[in-house]
């Protein structure tokens, strides 16, 4: 069911990448292309943009969902993100994140959610 909604809304092509290599980002290709369009309006000689682009392009690859709803993760990213064993798929605002279960559990345990966090979210209307 989720696959059908995803394909109906965005198609079956995706851009799979990462910034840090410790987890995977899966963007519908149309969403990624809009992101790239915004990037073209940024100063091309900006060293921060260059660092970002090197990383997302190193890890990145356009992929097409197969008939069973699977998306290929490039081998180098699959290795660096430890895409084996139990995995977690987390929905983000405009993309999915795929994490190794052990890594995301450690990350969540190391970042407590505080009253300050709640206050900041309330200020945002959340």
N, C-alpha and C. Protein backbone atom coordinates (compact mmCIF):
# COMPACT_ATOMS: atom_id res chain seq x y z
N UNK A 1 0.82 -1.19 0.00
CA UNK A 1 0.00 0.00 0.00
C UNK A 1 0.87 1.26 0.00
N UNK A 2 1.86 1.33 0.90
CA UNK A 2 2.74 2.49 0.96
C UNK A 2 3.45 2.67 -0.37
N UNK A 3 3.90 1.56 -0.96
CA UNK A 3 4.59 1.61 -2.25
C UNK A 3 3.69 2.25 -3.29
N UNK A 4 2.42 1.86 -3.34
CA UNK A 4 1.49 2.41 -4.32
C UNK A 4 1.30 3.91 -4.15
N UNK A 5 1.19 4.36 -2.92
CA UNK A 5 1.03 5.79 -2.64
C UNK A 5 2.28 6.55 -3.06
N UNK A 6 3.44 5.99 -2.73
CA UNK A 6 4.71 6.61 -3.08
C UNK A 6 4.86 6.74 -4.59
N UNK A 7 4.59 5.67 -5.31
CA UNK A 7 4.74 5.68 -6.77
C UNK A 7 3.71 6.62 -7.40
N UNK A 8 2.49 6.60 -6.90
CA UNK A 8 1.44 7.47 -7.44
C UNK A 8 1.79 8.95 -7.21
N UNK A 9 2.38 9.26 -6.08
CA UNK A 9 2.70 10.65 -5.75
C UNK A 9 3.99 11.14 -6.39
N UNK A 10 5.00 10.26 -6.50
CA UNK A 10 6.32 10.71 -6.92
C UNK A 10 6.95 9.94 -8.07
N UNK A 11 6.35 8.85 -8.46
CA UNK A 11 6.97 8.02 -9.49
C UNK A 11 7.85 6.96 -8.88
N UNK A 12 8.58 6.24 -9.72
CA UNK A 12 9.39 5.11 -9.23
C UNK A 12 10.89 5.36 -9.32
N UNK A 13 11.28 6.62 -9.49
CA UNK A 13 12.70 6.96 -9.56
C UNK A 13 13.10 7.76 -8.33
N UNK A 14 14.31 7.45 -7.82
CA UNK A 14 14.76 8.03 -6.56
C UNK A 14 16.24 8.43 -6.67
N UNK A 15 16.65 9.32 -5.78
CA UNK A 15 18.06 9.63 -5.61
C UNK A 15 18.43 9.15 -4.22
N UNK A 16 19.37 8.21 -4.15
CA UNK A 16 19.82 7.63 -2.89
C UNK A 16 21.19 8.22 -2.58
N UNK A 17 21.35 8.76 -1.37
CA UNK A 17 22.61 9.40 -1.03
C UNK A 17 22.79 9.47 0.48
N UNK A 18 23.82 10.17 0.91
CA UNK A 18 24.08 10.42 2.32
C UNK A 18 25.04 11.60 2.41
N UNK A 19 25.02 12.28 3.52
CA UNK A 19 25.98 13.34 3.76
C UNK A 19 27.18 12.80 4.55
N UNK A 20 26.91 11.97 5.52
CA UNK A 20 27.95 11.46 6.40
C UNK A 20 28.34 10.01 6.12
N UNK A 21 27.52 9.29 5.39
CA UNK A 21 27.79 7.88 5.11
C UNK A 21 27.36 6.94 6.22
N UNK A 22 26.82 7.47 7.33
CA UNK A 22 26.42 6.58 8.42
C UNK A 22 24.96 6.14 8.34
N UNK A 23 24.20 6.76 7.45
CA UNK A 23 22.83 6.34 7.17
C UNK A 23 22.50 6.78 5.75
N UNK A 24 21.34 6.39 5.27
CA UNK A 24 20.99 6.59 3.86
C UNK A 24 19.80 7.54 3.75
N UNK A 25 19.88 8.46 2.80
CA UNK A 25 18.75 9.31 2.44
C UNK A 25 18.16 8.78 1.14
N UNK A 26 16.85 8.67 1.08
CA UNK A 26 16.16 8.27 -0.14
C UNK A 26 15.18 9.38 -0.51
N UNK A 27 15.49 10.09 -1.59
CA UNK A 27 14.64 11.17 -2.06
C UNK A 27 13.90 10.74 -3.32
N UNK A 28 12.60 11.02 -3.44
CA UNK A 28 11.97 10.89 -4.76
C UNK A 28 12.77 11.77 -5.72
N UNK A 29 13.01 11.29 -6.92
CA UNK A 29 13.87 12.03 -7.85
C UNK A 29 13.34 13.43 -8.11
N UNK A 30 12.02 13.59 -8.19
CA UNK A 30 11.45 14.92 -8.43
C UNK A 30 11.77 15.88 -7.27
N UNK A 31 11.76 15.37 -6.06
CA UNK A 31 12.09 16.19 -4.89
C UNK A 31 13.57 16.55 -4.92
N UNK A 32 14.43 15.58 -5.24
CA UNK A 32 15.86 15.85 -5.31
C UNK A 32 16.17 16.88 -6.40
N UNK A 33 15.51 16.76 -7.54
CA UNK A 33 15.74 17.72 -8.63
C UNK A 33 15.35 19.13 -8.22
N UNK A 34 14.27 19.28 -7.45
CA UNK A 34 13.88 20.61 -6.94
C UNK A 34 14.95 21.12 -5.97
N UNK A 35 15.51 20.22 -5.16
CA UNK A 35 16.59 20.57 -4.24
C UNK A 35 17.81 21.05 -5.04
N UNK A 36 18.17 20.33 -6.09
CA UNK A 36 19.29 20.73 -6.94
C UNK A 36 19.04 22.10 -7.57
N UNK A 37 17.81 22.35 -7.96
CA UNK A 37 17.46 23.65 -8.55
C UNK A 37 17.74 24.79 -7.56
N UNK A 38 17.39 24.57 -6.29
CA UNK A 38 17.69 25.58 -5.26
C UNK A 38 19.20 25.75 -5.10
N UNK A 39 19.94 24.65 -5.20
CA UNK A 39 21.39 24.71 -5.06
C UNK A 39 22.04 25.50 -6.18
N UNK A 40 21.47 25.46 -7.37
CA UNK A 40 22.06 26.21 -8.50
C UNK A 40 21.99 27.71 -8.27
N UNK A 41 21.14 28.15 -7.38
CA UNK A 41 21.00 29.57 -7.08
C UNK A 41 21.98 30.01 -5.98
N UNK A 42 22.75 29.06 -5.46
CA UNK A 42 23.73 29.34 -4.42
C UNK A 42 25.08 29.62 -5.09
N UNK A 43 25.88 30.45 -4.47
CA UNK A 43 27.20 30.77 -5.02
C UNK A 43 28.01 29.49 -5.25
N UNK A 44 28.39 29.26 -6.47
CA UNK A 44 29.10 28.02 -6.84
C UNK A 44 30.47 27.89 -6.20
N UNK A 45 31.10 28.99 -5.82
CA UNK A 45 32.42 28.92 -5.22
C UNK A 45 32.38 28.83 -3.70
N UNK A 46 31.19 28.72 -3.15
CA UNK A 46 31.04 28.59 -1.70
C UNK A 46 31.67 27.27 -1.25
N UNK A 47 32.68 27.32 -0.37
CA UNK A 47 33.36 26.08 0.03
C UNK A 47 32.43 25.11 0.79
N UNK A 48 31.43 25.62 1.48
CA UNK A 48 30.49 24.75 2.19
C UNK A 48 29.62 23.98 1.20
N UNK A 49 29.21 24.66 0.15
CA UNK A 49 28.43 24.00 -0.89
C UNK A 49 29.26 22.93 -1.58
N UNK A 50 30.51 23.24 -1.85
CA UNK A 50 31.39 22.25 -2.49
C UNK A 50 31.54 21.01 -1.63
N UNK A 51 31.76 21.18 -0.33
CA UNK A 51 31.87 20.03 0.58
C UNK A 51 30.59 19.21 0.56
N UNK A 52 29.46 19.88 0.59
CA UNK A 52 28.17 19.20 0.56
C UNK A 52 28.02 18.40 -0.73
N UNK A 53 28.29 19.05 -1.87
CA UNK A 53 28.11 18.39 -3.16
C UNK A 53 29.06 17.21 -3.34
N UNK A 54 30.31 17.34 -2.90
CA UNK A 54 31.24 16.22 -2.99
C UNK A 54 30.68 15.00 -2.26
N UNK A 55 30.17 15.24 -1.08
CA UNK A 55 29.69 14.13 -0.26
C UNK A 55 28.41 13.50 -0.82
N UNK A 56 27.42 14.31 -1.16
CA UNK A 56 26.17 13.72 -1.65
C UNK A 56 26.35 13.08 -3.02
N UNK A 57 27.27 13.62 -3.81
CA UNK A 57 27.52 13.00 -5.11
C UNK A 57 28.38 11.75 -4.99
N UNK A 58 29.31 11.72 -4.05
CA UNK A 58 30.12 10.52 -3.81
C UNK A 58 29.23 9.35 -3.42
N UNK A 59 28.31 9.61 -2.50
CA UNK A 59 27.42 8.56 -2.02
C UNK A 59 26.20 8.35 -2.92
N UNK A 60 25.92 9.30 -3.81
CA UNK A 60 24.65 9.34 -4.50
C UNK A 60 24.56 8.53 -5.78
N UNK A 61 23.32 8.15 -6.08
CA UNK A 61 23.03 7.42 -7.30
C UNK A 61 21.52 7.50 -7.57
N UNK A 62 21.17 7.73 -8.84
CA UNK A 62 19.77 7.64 -9.23
C UNK A 62 19.41 6.17 -9.37
N UNK A 63 18.26 5.80 -8.83
CA UNK A 63 17.82 4.40 -8.90
C UNK A 63 16.33 4.35 -9.24
N UNK A 64 15.91 3.19 -9.72
CA UNK A 64 14.51 2.96 -10.04
C UNK A 64 14.01 1.83 -9.15
N UNK A 65 12.85 2.03 -8.56
CA UNK A 65 12.25 1.00 -7.72
C UNK A 65 11.91 -0.21 -8.58
N UNK A 66 12.21 -1.40 -8.07
CA UNK A 66 11.86 -2.59 -8.83
C UNK A 66 10.40 -2.96 -8.59
N UNK A 67 9.94 -4.00 -9.25
CA UNK A 67 8.52 -4.38 -9.16
C UNK A 67 8.09 -4.80 -7.77
N UNK A 68 9.05 -5.20 -6.95
CA UNK A 68 8.74 -5.60 -5.58
C UNK A 68 8.86 -4.44 -4.58
N UNK A 69 9.14 -3.24 -5.10
CA UNK A 69 9.21 -2.06 -4.24
C UNK A 69 10.57 -1.86 -3.59
N UNK A 70 11.60 -2.53 -4.10
CA UNK A 70 12.94 -2.39 -3.52
C UNK A 70 13.71 -1.29 -4.25
N UNK A 71 14.60 -0.65 -3.48
CA UNK A 71 15.44 0.41 -4.02
C UNK A 71 16.89 0.02 -3.73
N UNK A 72 17.72 0.03 -4.76
CA UNK A 72 19.13 -0.33 -4.61
C UNK A 72 19.89 0.78 -3.90
N UNK A 73 20.68 0.40 -2.93
CA UNK A 73 21.59 1.33 -2.25
C UNK A 73 22.98 1.03 -2.79
N UNK A 74 23.69 2.06 -3.28
CA UNK A 74 25.04 1.82 -3.84
C UNK A 74 25.93 1.08 -2.85
N UNK A 75 26.79 0.21 -3.36
CA UNK A 75 27.61 -0.66 -2.52
C UNK A 75 28.46 0.10 -1.51
N UNK A 76 29.10 1.21 -1.92
CA UNK A 76 29.94 1.95 -0.98
C UNK A 76 29.12 2.52 0.17
N UNK A 77 27.93 3.00 -0.14
CA UNK A 77 27.05 3.54 0.89
C UNK A 77 26.46 2.41 1.74
N UNK A 78 26.12 1.31 1.12
CA UNK A 78 25.61 0.15 1.85
C UNK A 78 26.63 -0.29 2.91
N UNK A 79 27.91 -0.28 2.54
CA UNK A 79 28.96 -0.68 3.48
C UNK A 79 29.15 0.36 4.58
N UNK A 80 29.31 1.63 4.20
CA UNK A 80 29.58 2.66 5.21
C UNK A 80 28.41 2.86 6.17
N UNK A 81 27.19 2.66 5.68
CA UNK A 81 26.00 2.83 6.51
C UNK A 81 25.58 1.55 7.23
N UNK A 82 26.36 0.49 7.05
CA UNK A 82 26.10 -0.80 7.70
C UNK A 82 24.68 -1.29 7.42
N UNK A 83 24.33 -1.32 6.16
CA UNK A 83 22.98 -1.76 5.75
C UNK A 83 22.90 -3.28 5.74
N UNK A 84 22.90 -3.84 6.94
CA UNK A 84 22.77 -5.28 7.13
C UNK A 84 22.09 -5.52 8.47
N UNK A 85 21.53 -6.67 8.64
CA UNK A 85 20.81 -6.96 9.88
C UNK A 85 19.51 -6.17 9.93
N UNK A 86 19.12 -5.77 11.12
CA UNK A 86 17.88 -5.01 11.30
C UNK A 86 18.09 -3.56 10.87
N UNK A 87 17.13 -3.05 10.09
CA UNK A 87 17.17 -1.67 9.62
C UNK A 87 15.92 -0.93 10.05
N UNK A 88 16.01 0.37 10.14
CA UNK A 88 14.87 1.23 10.43
C UNK A 88 14.71 2.23 9.30
N UNK A 89 13.48 2.39 8.82
CA UNK A 89 13.17 3.39 7.81
C UNK A 89 12.36 4.48 8.51
N UNK A 90 12.91 5.70 8.50
CA UNK A 90 12.27 6.82 9.16
C UNK A 90 11.79 7.82 8.11
N UNK A 91 10.56 8.24 8.24
CA UNK A 91 10.01 9.23 7.32
C UNK A 91 10.44 10.62 7.79
N UNK A 92 11.04 11.36 6.88
CA UNK A 92 11.39 12.74 7.14
C UNK A 92 10.42 13.60 6.34
N UNK A 93 10.57 14.89 6.35
CA UNK A 93 9.60 15.76 5.69
C UNK A 93 9.53 15.50 4.19
N UNK A 94 10.70 15.41 3.53
CA UNK A 94 10.68 15.24 2.08
C UNK A 94 11.48 14.04 1.59
N UNK A 95 11.92 13.19 2.51
CA UNK A 95 12.68 12.00 2.13
C UNK A 95 12.58 10.95 3.24
N UNK A 96 13.09 9.78 2.93
CA UNK A 96 13.18 8.71 3.91
C UNK A 96 14.63 8.60 4.37
N UNK A 97 14.82 8.18 5.61
CA UNK A 97 16.15 7.86 6.11
C UNK A 97 16.16 6.39 6.47
N UNK A 98 17.22 5.70 6.07
CA UNK A 98 17.38 4.28 6.39
C UNK A 98 18.60 4.16 7.29
N UNK A 99 18.38 3.56 8.45
CA UNK A 99 19.42 3.43 9.47
C UNK A 99 19.62 1.97 9.86
N UNK A 100 20.83 1.63 10.18
CA UNK A 100 21.12 0.38 10.86
C UNK A 100 20.50 0.51 12.25
N UNK A 101 19.77 -0.51 12.68
CA UNK A 101 19.04 -0.47 13.97
C UNK A 101 19.95 -0.11 15.13
N UNK A 102 21.11 -0.70 15.19
CA UNK A 102 22.02 -0.45 16.31
C UNK A 102 22.49 1.00 16.31
N UNK A 103 22.79 1.54 15.14
CA UNK A 103 23.26 2.93 15.05
C UNK A 103 22.20 3.94 15.47
N UNK A 104 20.98 3.77 14.99
CA UNK A 104 19.94 4.74 15.34
C UNK A 104 19.58 4.64 16.82
N UNK A 105 19.62 3.43 17.37
CA UNK A 105 19.34 3.25 18.80
C UNK A 105 20.38 3.98 19.63
N UNK A 106 21.66 3.85 19.26
CA UNK A 106 22.73 4.55 19.99
C UNK A 106 22.60 6.06 19.85
N UNK A 107 22.26 6.52 18.64
CA UNK A 107 22.10 7.95 18.43
C UNK A 107 20.98 8.51 19.30
N UNK A 108 19.83 7.85 19.30
CA UNK A 108 18.70 8.32 20.10
C UNK A 108 19.02 8.30 21.60
N UNK A 109 19.75 7.29 22.03
CA UNK A 109 20.12 7.20 23.45
C UNK A 109 21.08 8.31 23.84
N UNK A 110 21.91 8.76 22.89
CA UNK A 110 22.89 9.80 23.20
C UNK A 110 22.32 11.21 23.14
N UNK A 111 21.12 11.35 22.59
CA UNK A 111 20.51 12.67 22.44
C UNK A 111 19.17 12.69 23.17
N UNK A 112 19.20 13.02 24.44
CA UNK A 112 17.95 13.07 25.18
C UNK A 112 17.06 14.20 24.64
N UNK A 113 15.78 14.00 24.75
CA UNK A 113 14.81 15.00 24.32
C UNK A 113 14.41 15.79 25.55
N UNK A 114 14.69 17.09 25.54
CA UNK A 114 14.57 17.91 26.75
C UNK A 114 13.36 18.84 26.71
N UNK A 115 13.11 19.45 27.85
CA UNK A 115 12.07 20.48 27.92
C UNK A 115 12.40 21.65 27.00
N UNK A 116 13.70 21.96 26.86
CA UNK A 116 14.13 23.02 25.94
C UNK A 116 13.75 22.67 24.51
N UNK A 117 13.91 21.40 24.14
CA UNK A 117 13.50 20.96 22.81
C UNK A 117 12.00 21.18 22.61
N UNK A 118 11.24 20.79 23.59
CA UNK A 118 9.77 20.98 23.52
C UNK A 118 9.41 22.46 23.40
N UNK A 119 10.12 23.30 24.17
CA UNK A 119 9.86 24.73 24.14
C UNK A 119 10.17 25.31 22.75
N UNK A 120 11.29 24.91 22.18
CA UNK A 120 11.66 25.39 20.84
C UNK A 120 10.64 24.94 19.79
N UNK A 121 10.15 23.72 19.92
CA UNK A 121 9.14 23.22 18.99
C UNK A 121 7.82 23.98 19.18
N UNK A 122 7.48 24.29 20.41
CA UNK A 122 6.26 25.05 20.67
C UNK A 122 6.36 26.43 20.02
N UNK A 123 7.55 27.03 20.09
CA UNK A 123 7.76 28.33 19.43
C UNK A 123 7.55 28.25 17.92
N UNK A 124 7.79 27.07 17.37
CA UNK A 124 7.57 26.86 15.93
C UNK A 124 6.12 26.47 15.61
N UNK A 125 5.31 26.33 16.66
CA UNK A 125 3.92 25.95 16.44
C UNK A 125 3.70 24.45 16.32
N UNK A 126 4.65 23.69 16.81
CA UNK A 126 4.56 22.22 16.73
C UNK A 126 4.19 21.64 18.07
